[in-house]
Amino acid sequence: MGKLVSTLFVTLDGVYQAPGGREEDTRGGFEHGGWVFPYADEDFGKFITGVFERPAAFLLGRRTYDIFASYWPKVTDPADPVAAKLNALPKYVASSTLTDPEWAGTTVVSGDLGKEVTALKERTDGELQVHGSGALVRSLLALGLVDTLHLMTFPVVLGSGHRLFTEGAVPTRFEHTGGSSTSTGVAINSYDLAGRPEYGTFELPEDA
């Protein structure tokens, strides 16, 4: 059985919208697209290259799929570590409206998300990777289907945009499994899903 691994870029205030370009995702009049660009360095590249050494298949939300499908099929260099995997490996897109995907190797997942993704994990030998796709990741976390979350937090606050964790998100506990930082201050942390939060109360000393 495979592992479902999510990799996400977020700002300090939790925004994940349009990290890669000005016009990538302008929903809600978002004007801050491309906020990752100033922080790209060798450390960042090494981490991303390492992530793309491990996939067996990809699962994407519809919006991220459309963004990827408009760009990566045009990158034909076989030495490109990202394009080589995205173009060659099976891709699954969670959508109730996409019917005829043009990107080769794409299958649409349109039924019960929990059942469909559980079945995908069962028949995947390796990592089933989710990139971006914040709304999809929230749904998968609520269903307990995410095994590992790689969260890259960039030292910038945008003040607007779609946020990864919103009001009403299912309370979730994680186990920190690794971390590092890049030369530009990006914090890279990896977490495994660890169930629901635990709680307690700090008692005041008797002589307080």
C-alpha atoms as a PDB file:
ATOM      1  CA  MET A   1       0.000   0.000   0.000  1.00  0.00           C
ATOM      2  CA  GLY A   2       1.294   3.417  -0.909  1.00  0.00           C
ATOM      3  CA  LYS A   3       1.690   6.534   1.192  1.00  0.00           C
ATOM      4  CA  LEU A   4      -0.162   9.751   0.446  1.00  0.00           C
ATOM      5  CA  VAL A   5       2.352  12.598   0.682  1.00  0.00           C
ATOM      6  CA  SER A   6       1.380  16.254   0.409  1.00  0.00           C
ATOM      7  CA  THR A   7       3.848  19.050  -0.393  1.00  0.00           C
ATOM      8  CA  LEU A   8       2.636  22.606   0.073  1.00  0.00           C
ATOM      9  CA  PHE A   9       4.057  26.130  -0.018  1.00  0.00           C
ATOM     10  CA  VAL A  10       2.515  28.566   2.490  1.00  0.00           C
ATOM     11  CA  THR A  11       3.174  32.087   3.750  1.00  0.00           C
ATOM     12  CA  LEU A  12       3.532  32.970   7.428  1.00  0.00           C
ATOM     13  CA  ASP A  13      -0.171  33.838   7.450  1.00  0.00           C
ATOM     14  CA  GLY A  14      -1.092  30.513   5.871  1.00  0.00           C
ATOM     15  CA  VAL A  15      -1.778  31.572   2.268  1.00  0.00           C
ATOM     16  CA  TYR A  16      -1.122  28.936  -0.391  1.00  0.00           C
ATOM     17  CA  GLN A  17      -2.694  30.709  -3.373  1.00  0.00           C
ATOM     18  CA  ALA A  18      -0.646  31.330  -6.544  1.00  0.00           C
ATOM     19  CA  PRO A  19       2.886  30.680  -5.291  1.00  0.00           C
ATOM     20  CA  GLY A  20       4.383  30.271  -8.751  1.00  0.00           C
ATOM     21  CA  GLY A  21       3.302  33.235 -10.867  1.00  0.00           C
ATOM     22  CA  ARG A  22       1.456  36.534 -11.079  1.00  0.00           C
ATOM     23  CA  GLU A  23      -1.434  35.172 -13.138  1.00  0.00           C
ATOM     24  CA  GLU A  24      -1.445  31.644 -11.728  1.00  0.00           C
ATOM     25  CA  ASP A  25      -4.567  32.050  -9.580  1.00  0.00           C
ATOM     26  CA  THR A  26      -6.265  35.446  -9.307  1.00  0.00           C
ATOM     27  CA  ARG A  27      -9.448  34.306  -7.539  1.00  0.00           C
ATOM     28  CA  GLY A  28     -10.898  37.002  -5.302  1.00  0.00           C
ATOM     29  CA  GLY A  29      -8.792  39.661  -6.984  1.00  0.00           C
ATOM     30  CA  PHE A  30      -5.586  38.154  -5.549  1.00  0.00           C
ATOM     31  CA  GLU A  31      -2.663  40.373  -6.589  1.00  0.00           C
ATOM     32  CA  HIS A  32       0.279  38.676  -4.876  1.00  0.00           C
ATOM     33  CA  GLY A  33       0.912  35.732  -7.200  1.00  0.00           C
ATOM     34  CA  GLY A  34       4.505  34.605  -7.555  1.00  0.00           C
ATOM     35  CA  TRP A  35       5.497  35.135  -3.919  1.00  0.00           C
ATOM     36  CA  VAL A  36       7.778  32.054  -3.911  1.00  0.00           C
ATOM     37  CA  PHE A  37      10.085  33.418  -6.629  1.00  0.00           C
ATOM     38  CA  PRO A  38      12.349  35.668  -4.477  1.00  0.00           C
ATOM     39  CA  TYR A  39      13.113  32.767  -2.110  1.00  0.00           C
ATOM     40  CA  ALA A  40      14.142  30.129  -4.643  1.00  0.00           C
ATOM     41  CA  ASP A  41      17.712  28.994  -4.009  1.00  0.00           C
ATOM     42  CA  GLU A  42      19.877  25.882  -4.162  1.00  0.00           C
ATOM     43  CA  ASP A  43      18.470  24.523  -0.879  1.00  0.00           C
ATOM     44  CA  PHE A  44      14.928  24.932  -2.161  1.00  0.00           C
ATOM     45  CA  GLY A  45      15.822  23.205  -5.418  1.00  0.00           C
ATOM     46  CA  LYS A  46      17.479  20.269  -3.673  1.00  0.00           C
ATOM     47  CA  PHE A  47      14.442  19.630  -1.517  1.00  0.00           C
ATOM     48  CA  ILE A  48      12.016  19.746  -4.433  1.00  0.00           C
ATOM     49  CA  THR A  49      14.275  17.509  -6.531  1.00  0.00           C
ATOM     50  CA  GLY A  50      14.369  15.023  -3.660  1.00  0.00           C
ATOM     51  CA  VAL A  51      10.577  14.994  -3.408  1.00  0.00           C
ATOM     52  CA  PHE A  52      10.260  14.274  -7.123  1.00  0.00           C
ATOM     53  CA  GLU A  53      12.639  11.329  -6.868  1.00  0.00           C
ATOM     54  CA  ARG A  54      10.021   9.350  -4.941  1.00  0.00           C
ATOM     55  CA  PRO A  55       6.571   9.503  -6.600  1.00  0.00           C
ATOM     56  CA  ALA A  56       4.761   6.528  -8.048  1.00  0.00           C
ATOM     57  CA  ALA A  57       1.724   8.619  -9.034  1.00  0.00           C
ATOM     58  CA  PHE A  58       0.170  12.043  -8.514  1.00  0.00           C
ATOM     59  CA  LEU A  59      -3.187  13.171  -7.133  1.00  0.00           C
ATOM     60  CA  LEU A  60      -4.162  16.788  -7.819  1.00  0.00           C
ATOM     61  CA  GLY A  61      -7.068  19.109  -7.232  1.00  0.00           C
ATOM     62  CA  ARG A  62      -8.739  20.510 -10.342  1.00  0.00           C
ATOM     63  CA  ARG A  63      -7.249  24.006 -10.136  1.00  0.00           C
ATOM     64  CA  THR A  64      -3.689  22.780  -9.538  1.00  0.00           C
ATOM     65  CA  TYR A  65      -4.142  20.203 -12.286  1.00  0.00           C
ATOM     66  CA  ASP A  66      -5.157  22.910 -14.777  1.00  0.00           C
ATOM     67  CA  ILE A  67      -2.141  25.045 -13.814  1.00  0.00           C
ATOM     68  CA  PHE A  68       0.237  22.089 -14.145  1.00  0.00           C
ATOM     69  CA  ALA A  69      -1.339  20.853 -17.388  1.00  0.00           C
ATOM     70  CA  SER A  70      -0.872  24.252 -19.026  1.00  0.00           C
ATOM     71  CA  TYR A  71       2.864  24.238 -18.292  1.00  0.00           C
ATOM     72  CA  TRP A  72       4.581  20.914 -17.630  1.00  0.00           C
ATOM     73  CA  PRO A  73       3.700  19.058 -20.868  1.00  0.00           C
ATOM     74  CA  LYS A  74       5.634  21.796 -22.690  1.00  0.00           C
ATOM     75  CA  VAL A  75       8.803  21.013 -20.703  1.00  0.00           C
ATOM     76  CA  THR A  76      10.282  18.164 -22.720  1.00  0.00           C
ATOM     77  CA  ASP A  77      13.828  18.042 -21.347  1.00  0.00           C
ATOM     78  CA  PRO A  78      14.218  14.449 -20.053  1.00  0.00           C
ATOM     79  CA  ALA A  79      16.755  15.718 -17.519  1.00  0.00           C
ATOM     80  CA  ASP A  80      14.218  17.984 -15.819  1.00  0.00           C
ATOM     81  CA  PRO A  81      13.477  16.126 -12.545  1.00  0.00           C
ATOM     82  CA  VAL A  82       9.977  17.563 -12.149  1.00  0.00           C
ATOM     83  CA  ALA A  83       8.717  17.442 -15.732  1.00  0.00           C
ATOM     84  CA  ALA A  84      10.093  13.953 -16.326  1.00  0.00           C
ATOM     85  CA  LYS A  85       7.998  12.506 -13.499  1.00  0.00           C
ATOM     86  CA  LEU A  86       4.869  14.588 -14.009  1.00  0.00           C
ATOM     87  CA  ASN A  87       4.685  13.777 -17.702  1.00  0.00           C
ATOM     88  CA  ALA A  88       5.499  10.064 -17.409  1.00  0.00           C
ATOM     89  CA  LEU A  89       3.710   8.872 -14.257  1.00  0.00           C
ATOM     90  CA  PRO A  90      -0.021   8.301 -13.698  1.00  0.00           C
ATOM     91  CA  LYS A  91      -1.948  11.411 -12.709  1.00  0.00           C
ATOM     92  CA  TYR A  92      -5.304  11.460 -10.930  1.00  0.00           C
ATOM     93  CA  VAL A  93      -7.386  14.625 -10.705  1.00  0.00           C
ATOM     94  CA  ALA A  94     -10.245  15.017  -8.239  1.00  0.00           C
ATOM     95  CA  SER A  95     -13.029  16.711 -10.192  1.00  0.00           C
ATOM     96  CA  SER A  96     -16.746  16.438 -10.771  1.00  0.00           C
ATOM     97  CA  THR A  97     -16.628  18.546 -13.950  1.00  0.00           C
ATOM     98  CA  LEU A  98     -13.542  17.465 -15.908  1.00  0.00           C
ATOM     99  CA  THR A  99     -14.518  14.812 -18.441  1.00  0.00           C
ATOM    100  CA  ASP A 100     -11.862  14.743 -21.147  1.00  0.00           C
ATOM    101  CA  PRO A 101      -8.388  15.559 -19.793  1.00  0.00           C
ATOM    102  CA  GLU A 102      -5.801  16.244 -22.493  1.00  0.00           C
ATOM    103  CA  TRP A 103      -2.676  15.626 -20.412  1.00  0.00           C
ATOM    104  CA  ALA A 104      -1.534  12.084 -21.177  1.00  0.00           C
ATOM    105  CA  GLY A 105      -1.778   9.623 -18.327  1.00  0.00           C
ATOM    106  CA  THR A 106      -4.610  11.421 -16.519  1.00  0.00           C
ATOM    107  CA  THR A 107      -7.542   9.701 -14.816  1.00  0.00           C
ATOM    108  CA  VAL A 108     -10.440  11.664 -13.330  1.00  0.00           C
ATOM    109  CA  VAL A 109     -11.547  10.796  -9.794  1.00  0.00           C
ATOM    110  CA  SER A 110     -15.161  11.878  -9.486  1.00  0.00           C
ATOM    111  CA  GLY A 111     -16.819   9.503  -7.043  1.00  0.00           C
ATOM    112  CA  ASP A 112     -16.678   9.212  -3.271  1.00  0.00           C
ATOM    113  CA  LEU A 113     -13.347  10.864  -2.399  1.00  0.00           C
ATOM    114  CA  GLY A 114     -12.630   8.686   0.611  1.00  0.00           C
ATOM    115  CA  LYS A 115     -13.290   5.411  -1.194  1.00  0.00           C
ATOM    116  CA  GLU A 116     -11.539   6.473  -4.397  1.00  0.00           C
ATOM    117  CA  VAL A 117      -8.363   7.706  -2.694  1.00  0.00           C
ATOM    118  CA  THR A 118      -8.229   4.729  -0.347  1.00  0.00           C
ATOM    119  CA  ALA A 119      -8.362   2.471  -3.402  1.00  0.00           C
ATOM    120  CA  LEU A 120      -5.634   4.533  -5.093  1.00  0.00           C
ATOM    121  CA  LYS A 121      -3.379   4.153  -2.073  1.00  0.00           C
ATOM    122  CA  GLU A 122      -3.993   0.417  -1.956  1.00  0.00           C
ATOM    123  CA  ARG A 123      -2.872  -0.073  -5.544  1.00  0.00           C
ATOM    124  CA  THR A 124       0.035   2.386  -5.465  1.00  0.00           C
ATOM    125  CA  ASP A 125       3.477   0.975  -4.765  1.00  0.00           C
ATOM    126  CA  GLY A 126       5.265   4.026  -3.378  1.00  0.00           C
ATOM    127  CA  GLU A 127       4.261   7.642  -2.859  1.00  0.00           C
ATOM    128  CA  LEU A 128       0.975   9.017  -4.129  1.00  0.00           C
ATOM    129  CA  GLN A 129       1.969  12.681  -4.168  1.00  0.00           C
ATOM    130  CA  VAL A 130      -0.280  15.713  -3.843  1.00  0.00           C
ATOM    131  CA  HIS A 131       1.238  19.061  -4.819  1.00  0.00           C
ATOM    132  CA  GLY A 132      -0.527  22.323  -4.011  1.00  0.00           C
ATOM    133  CA  SER A 133      -4.256  21.535  -4.116  1.00  0.00           C
ATOM    134  CA  GLY A 134      -4.972  23.104  -0.724  1.00  0.00           C
ATOM    135  CA  ALA A 135      -8.720  22.458  -0.691  1.00  0.00           C
ATOM    136  CA  LEU A 136      -8.158  18.826  -1.650  1.00  0.00           C
ATOM    137  CA  VAL A 137      -5.523  18.446   1.070  1.00  0.00           C
ATOM    138  CA  ARG A 138      -7.942  19.780   3.688  1.00  0.00           C
ATOM    139  CA  SER A 139     -10.528  17.203   2.610  1.00  0.00           C
ATOM    140  CA  LEU A 140      -7.959  14.382   2.668  1.00  0.00           C
ATOM    141  CA  LEU A 141      -6.758  15.424   6.138  1.00  0.00           C
ATOM    142  CA  ALA A 142     -10.346  15.420   7.393  1.00  0.00           C
ATOM    143  CA  LEU A 143     -10.694  11.871   6.062  1.00  0.00           C
ATOM    144  CA  GLY A 144      -7.438  10.789   7.706  1.00  0.00           C
ATOM    145  CA  LEU A 145      -5.919   9.827   4.362  1.00  0.00           C
ATOM    146  CA  VAL A 146      -2.746  11.967   4.427  1.00  0.00           C
ATOM    147  CA  ASP A 147       0.312  10.122   5.707  1.00  0.00           C
ATOM    148  CA  THR A 148       2.966  12.832   5.408  1.00  0.00           C
ATOM    149  CA  LEU A 149       2.792  16.597   5.007  1.00  0.00           C
ATOM    150  CA  HIS A 150       5.812  18.551   3.754  1.00  0.00           C
ATOM    151  CA  LEU A 151       5.138  22.178   4.625  1.00  0.00           C
ATOM    152  CA  MET A 152       7.432  24.862   3.207  1.00  0.00           C
ATOM    153  CA  THR A 153       6.776  28.120   5.068  1.00  0.00           C
ATOM    154  CA  PHE A 154       8.037  31.295   3.388  1.00  0.00           C
ATOM    155  CA  PRO A 155       9.002  34.406   5.392  1.00  0.00           C
ATOM    156  CA  VAL A 156       6.332  36.667   3.963  1.00  0.00           C
ATOM    157  CA  VAL A 157       2.865  37.836   5.036  1.00  0.00           C
ATOM    158  CA  LEU A 158       0.361  38.683   2.292  1.00  0.00           C
ATOM    159  CA  GLY A 159      -2.732  39.585   4.278  1.00  0.00           C
ATOM    160  CA  SER A 160      -5.154  38.105   1.736  1.00  0.00           C
ATOM    161  CA  GLY A 161      -5.645  34.978  -0.306  1.00  0.00           C
ATOM    162  CA  HIS A 162      -6.834  31.429   0.187  1.00  0.00           C
ATOM    163  CA  ARG A 163      -5.436  29.883   3.347  1.00  0.00           C
ATOM    164  CA  LEU A 164      -4.556  26.267   3.945  1.00  0.00           C
ATOM    165  CA  PHE A 165      -6.255  25.873   7.312  1.00  0.00           C
ATOM    166  CA  THR A 166      -9.521  27.732   7.655  1.00  0.00           C
ATOM    167  CA  GLU A 167     -12.169  28.091  10.338  1.00  0.00           C
ATOM    168  CA  GLY A 168     -13.849  24.721  10.786  1.00  0.00           C
ATOM    169  CA  ALA A 169     -10.851  22.590   9.782  1.00  0.00           C
ATOM    170  CA  VAL A 170     -10.892  19.176  11.446  1.00  0.00           C
ATOM    171  CA  PRO A 171      -8.664  19.249  14.573  1.00  0.00           C
ATOM    172  CA  THR A 172      -5.570  17.242  13.677  1.00  0.00           C
ATOM    173  CA  ARG A 173      -2.348  16.351  15.469  1.00  0.00           C
ATOM    174  CA  PHE A 174       0.956  15.827  13.669  1.00  0.00           C
ATOM    175  CA  GLU A 175       4.293  14.286  14.563  1.00  0.00           C
ATOM    176  CA  HIS A 176       7.290  16.324  13.430  1.00  0.00           C
ATOM    177  CA  THR A 177       9.639  14.033  11.500  1.00  0.00           C
ATOM    178  CA  GLY A 178      12.222  16.404  10.080  1.00  0.00           C
ATOM    179  CA  GLY A 179      13.080  19.995   9.356  1.00  0.00           C
ATOM    180  CA  SER A 180      15.581  22.385   7.835  1.00  0.00           C
ATOM    181  CA  SER A 181      15.807  25.936   6.559  1.00  0.00           C
ATOM    182  CA  THR A 182      17.086  27.407   3.321  1.00  0.00           C
ATOM    183  CA  SER A 183      19.557  30.229   2.826  1.00  0.00           C
ATOM    184  CA  THR A 184      16.637  32.584   2.113  1.00  0.00           C
ATOM    185  CA  GLY A 185      14.780  31.691   5.313  1.00  0.00           C
ATOM    186  CA  VAL A 186      12.234  29.174   4.067  1.00  0.00           C
ATOM    187  CA  ALA A 187      11.355  26.704   6.835  1.00  0.00           C
ATOM    188  CA  ILE A 188      10.939  23.156   5.517  1.00  0.00           C
ATOM    189  CA  ASN A 189       9.161  20.845   7.935  1.00  0.00           C
ATOM    190  CA  SER A 190       7.824  17.330   7.524  1.00  0.00           C
ATOM    191  CA  TYR A 191       4.976  15.921   9.579  1.00  0.00           C
ATOM    192  CA  ASP A 192       3.230  12.567   9.830  1.00  0.00           C
ATOM    193  CA  LEU A 193      -0.450  12.473  10.644  1.00  0.00           C
ATOM    194  CA  ALA A 194      -0.895  11.440  14.286  1.00  0.00           C
ATOM    195  CA  GLY A 195      -4.646  11.457  14.910  1.00  0.00           C
ATOM    196  CA  ARG A 196      -6.604  14.031  16.885  1.00  0.00           C
ATOM    197  CA  PRO A 197      -5.138  16.624  19.271  1.00  0.00           C
ATOM    198  CA  GLU A 198      -4.516  15.842  22.925  1.00  0.00           C
ATOM    199  CA  TYR A 199      -5.345  18.376  25.636  1.00  0.00           C
ATOM    200  CA  GLY A 200      -4.395  19.194  29.191  1.00  0.00           C
ATOM    201  CA  THR A 201      -4.391  21.963  31.757  1.00  0.00           C
ATOM    202  CA  PHE A 202      -1.471  23.657  33.480  1.00  0.00           C
ATOM    203  CA  GLU A 203      -2.237  23.761  37.196  1.00  0.00           C
ATOM    204  CA  LEU A 204      -1.203  26.744  39.276  1.00  0.00           C
ATOM    205  CA  PRO A 205       1.177  25.961  42.168  1.00  0.00           C
ATOM    206  CA  GLU A 206      -0.601  25.638  45.510  1.00  0.00           C
ATOM    207  CA  ASP A 207       1.212  28.661  46.927  1.00  0.00           C
ATOM    208  CA  ALA A 208       0.431  30.926  43.969  1.00  0.00           C
END
